[in-house]
Amino acid sequence: AEYSPLSIKSAVVGYGRAEKPQVQHMVTRLLNLDQVPEPADAADALAIAICHLHTSATLLRQRAVGG
């Protein structure tokens, strides 16, 4: 699967035009981490994983309902 930056930011922060520090902050909070992942690419990778999880869960729910 491929996700646009807008989709990733929307899934993680709730706002597609969020800034990188906002995404890093939410990744840290959502994963209950003590500090922001370093390097910055690590936070980006985790944000993509969160987006994938969110998207997959939504698709599974839609299929279960018959969508």
N, C-alpha and C. Protein backbone atom coordinates (compact mmCIF):
# COMPACT_ATOMS: atom_id res chain seq x y z
N ALA A 1 0.84 -1.18 0.00
CA ALA A 1 0.00 0.00 0.00
C ALA A 1 0.88 1.24 0.00
N GLU A 2 0.38 2.27 -0.59
CA GLU A 2 1.08 3.56 -0.61
C GLU A 2 0.16 4.61 -0.01
N TYR A 3 0.75 5.52 0.76
CA TYR A 3 -0.02 6.57 1.42
C TYR A 3 0.63 7.91 1.13
N SER A 4 -0.19 8.89 0.84
CA SER A 4 0.32 10.24 0.61
C SER A 4 0.65 10.89 1.95
N PRO A 5 1.54 11.88 1.94
CA PRO A 5 1.83 12.59 3.19
C PRO A 5 0.56 13.16 3.83
N LEU A 6 -0.37 13.64 3.02
CA LEU A 6 -1.63 14.17 3.52
C LEU A 6 -2.42 13.09 4.27
N SER A 7 -2.47 11.89 3.72
CA SER A 7 -3.18 10.78 4.36
C SER A 7 -2.53 10.38 5.67
N ILE A 8 -1.21 10.32 5.67
CA ILE A 8 -0.47 9.93 6.88
C ILE A 8 -0.70 10.95 7.98
N LYS A 9 -0.55 12.22 7.66
CA LYS A 9 -0.75 13.27 8.66
C LYS A 9 -2.18 13.27 9.18
N SER A 10 -3.12 13.06 8.30
CA SER A 10 -4.52 13.03 8.71
C SER A 10 -4.80 11.87 9.65
N ALA A 11 -4.23 10.70 9.37
CA ALA A 11 -4.44 9.53 10.22
C ALA A 11 -3.78 9.68 11.58
N VAL A 12 -2.63 10.33 11.62
CA VAL A 12 -1.87 10.44 12.87
C VAL A 12 -2.28 11.65 13.70
N VAL A 13 -2.43 12.79 13.04
CA VAL A 13 -2.68 14.04 13.76
C VAL A 13 -4.16 14.45 13.68
N GLY A 14 -4.82 14.04 12.61
CA GLY A 14 -6.20 14.46 12.41
C GLY A 14 -6.30 15.68 11.51
N TYR A 15 -5.15 16.11 11.00
CA TYR A 15 -5.10 17.29 10.13
C TYR A 15 -4.04 17.03 9.06
N GLY A 16 -4.44 16.99 7.80
CA GLY A 16 -3.55 16.63 6.72
C GLY A 16 -2.41 17.59 6.45
N ARG A 17 -2.53 18.80 6.93
CA ARG A 17 -1.46 19.78 6.70
C ARG A 17 -0.63 20.04 7.96
N ALA A 18 -0.61 19.06 8.84
CA ALA A 18 0.16 19.18 10.09
C ALA A 18 1.65 19.31 9.77
N GLU A 19 2.35 19.99 10.65
CA GLU A 19 3.79 20.15 10.53
C GLU A 19 4.49 18.92 11.11
N LYS A 20 5.74 18.72 10.70
CA LYS A 20 6.52 17.57 11.16
C LYS A 20 6.58 17.46 12.69
N PRO A 21 6.80 18.55 13.43
CA PRO A 21 6.81 18.42 14.90
C PRO A 21 5.49 17.92 15.47
N GLN A 22 4.37 18.29 14.84
CA GLN A 22 3.06 17.81 15.31
C GLN A 22 2.94 16.30 15.09
N VAL A 23 3.41 15.83 13.95
CA VAL A 23 3.38 14.39 13.67
C VAL A 23 4.28 13.65 14.66
N GLN A 24 5.48 14.18 14.88
CA GLN A 24 6.40 13.55 15.83
C GLN A 24 5.79 13.49 17.23
N HIS A 25 5.14 14.56 17.63
CA HIS A 25 4.51 14.60 18.95
C HIS A 25 3.42 13.54 19.07
N MET A 26 2.56 13.44 18.05
CA MET A 26 1.48 12.46 18.11
C MET A 26 1.99 11.03 18.05
N VAL A 27 3.03 10.77 17.27
CA VAL A 27 3.63 9.43 17.24
C VAL A 27 4.12 9.08 18.63
N THR A 28 4.77 10.02 19.28
CA THR A 28 5.28 9.80 20.64
C THR A 28 4.14 9.51 21.60
N ARG A 29 3.06 10.26 21.51
CA ARG A 29 1.91 10.06 22.41
C ARG A 29 1.16 8.77 22.11
N LEU A 30 0.88 8.52 20.84
CA LEU A 30 0.11 7.34 20.47
C LEU A 30 0.82 6.04 20.83
N LEU A 31 2.15 6.05 20.75
CA LEU A 31 2.92 4.85 21.06
C LEU A 31 3.46 4.84 22.49
N ASN A 32 3.07 5.86 23.25
CA ASN A 32 3.46 5.95 24.66
C ASN A 32 4.98 5.86 24.83
N LEU A 33 5.70 6.65 24.03
CA LEU A 33 7.15 6.68 24.08
C LEU A 33 7.62 7.76 25.04
N ASP A 34 8.80 7.58 25.59
CA ASP A 34 9.36 8.57 26.51
C ASP A 34 9.89 9.80 25.79
N GLN A 35 10.31 9.63 24.55
CA GLN A 35 10.84 10.76 23.79
C GLN A 35 10.54 10.56 22.31
N VAL A 36 10.70 11.63 21.55
CA VAL A 36 10.46 11.59 20.11
C VAL A 36 11.49 10.65 19.48
N PRO A 37 11.05 9.75 18.60
CA PRO A 37 11.99 8.83 17.95
C PRO A 37 13.03 9.58 17.13
N GLU A 38 14.25 9.13 17.20
CA GLU A 38 15.35 9.70 16.43
C GLU A 38 15.98 8.59 15.62
N PRO A 39 16.41 8.86 14.42
CA PRO A 39 16.33 10.11 13.68
C PRO A 39 14.89 10.41 13.25
N ALA A 40 14.71 11.54 12.64
CA ALA A 40 13.36 11.96 12.24
C ALA A 40 12.71 10.95 11.30
N ASP A 41 13.52 10.25 10.51
CA ASP A 41 12.97 9.23 9.61
C ASP A 41 12.29 8.11 10.38
N ALA A 42 12.75 7.83 11.60
CA ALA A 42 12.12 6.79 12.42
C ALA A 42 10.70 7.19 12.78
N ALA A 43 10.51 8.45 13.14
CA ALA A 43 9.16 8.95 13.45
C ALA A 43 8.28 8.89 12.21
N ASP A 44 8.85 9.20 11.05
CA ASP A 44 8.09 9.12 9.80
C ASP A 44 7.65 7.68 9.53
N ALA A 45 8.55 6.73 9.73
CA ALA A 45 8.22 5.32 9.50
C ALA A 45 7.12 4.85 10.45
N LEU A 46 7.20 5.28 11.70
CA LEU A 46 6.17 4.91 12.66
C LEU A 46 4.83 5.55 12.29
N ALA A 47 4.87 6.78 11.78
CA ALA A 47 3.64 7.44 11.35
C ALA A 47 3.00 6.68 10.19
N ILE A 48 3.81 6.18 9.28
CA ILE A 48 3.29 5.39 8.17
C ILE A 48 2.65 4.11 8.70
N ALA A 49 3.29 3.47 9.66
CA ALA A 49 2.74 2.25 10.25
C ALA A 49 1.40 2.53 10.94
N ILE A 50 1.32 3.64 11.65
CA ILE A 50 0.06 4.01 12.32
C ILE A 50 -1.03 4.25 11.27
N CYS A 51 -0.67 4.93 10.20
CA CYS A 51 -1.63 5.19 9.11
C CYS A 51 -2.11 3.87 8.51
N HIS A 52 -1.20 2.95 8.27
CA HIS A 52 -1.56 1.65 7.69
C HIS A 52 -2.50 0.89 8.62
N LEU A 53 -2.18 0.89 9.89
CA LEU A 53 -3.03 0.21 10.87
C LEU A 53 -4.43 0.82 10.88
N HIS A 54 -4.49 2.14 10.92
CA HIS A 54 -5.77 2.84 10.93
C HIS A 54 -6.58 2.54 9.66
N THR A 55 -5.91 2.60 8.52
CA THR A 55 -6.57 2.36 7.24
C THR A 55 -7.05 0.91 7.14
N SER A 56 -6.21 -0.03 7.54
CA SER A 56 -6.58 -1.45 7.49
C SER A 56 -7.76 -1.74 8.39
N ALA A 57 -7.75 -1.18 9.59
CA ALA A 57 -8.85 -1.40 10.53
C ALA A 57 -10.16 -0.85 9.97
N THR A 58 -10.09 0.31 9.33
CA THR A 58 -11.28 0.91 8.74
C THR A 58 -11.83 0.02 7.61
N LEU A 59 -10.94 -0.49 6.77
CA LEU A 59 -11.37 -1.36 5.67
C LEU A 59 -12.00 -2.65 6.20
N LEU A 60 -11.41 -3.21 7.25
CA LEU A 60 -11.97 -4.44 7.84
C LEU A 60 -13.36 -4.19 8.41
N ARG A 61 -13.53 -3.05 9.07
CA ARG A 61 -14.85 -2.72 9.63
C ARG A 61 -15.89 -2.56 8.52
N GLN A 62 -15.50 -1.91 7.43
CA GLN A 62 -16.42 -1.71 6.31
C GLN A 62 -16.82 -3.04 5.69
N ARG A 63 -15.88 -3.95 5.56
CA ARG A 63 -16.18 -5.26 4.99
C ARG A 63 -17.09 -6.06 5.91
N ALA A 64 -16.88 -5.94 7.21
CA ALA A 64 -17.69 -6.67 8.18
C ALA A 64 -19.14 -6.22 8.14
N VAL A 65 -19.33 -4.92 7.87
CA VAL A 65 -20.68 -4.35 7.82
C VAL A 65 -21.33 -4.64 6.46
N GLY A 66 -20.51 -4.98 5.49
CA GLY A 66 -21.06 -5.29 4.17
C GLY A 66 -20.82 -4.21 3.16
N GLY A 67 -19.83 -3.32 3.47
CA GLY A 67 -19.56 -2.21 2.56
C GLY A 67 -18.62 -2.58 1.53
